[in-house]
Amino acid sequence: MLRTLIKATCGYPAISDDIGRNSKSIMRMLSPDVDPGIKAFMSVVNAAERHSQKSA
């Protein structure tokens, strides 16, 4: 669901710029077979939230 939100609002490049990680790394982190660390996952969630509030 988070992947869909990112695609629909700001895109992976914007999240990548916000948290300082490669966009491909973020895509892999959110894939079903990967268990990201809580710190990395929450940085993506927080960045997505900030960007979705900007576009609302």
Foldseek 3Di string as FASTA:
>chain_A
DLQVLQVPFPHLVQLCVQVVHDSVVVVVCPDPVHDDDPVVVVSSVVSSVVRVVVRD
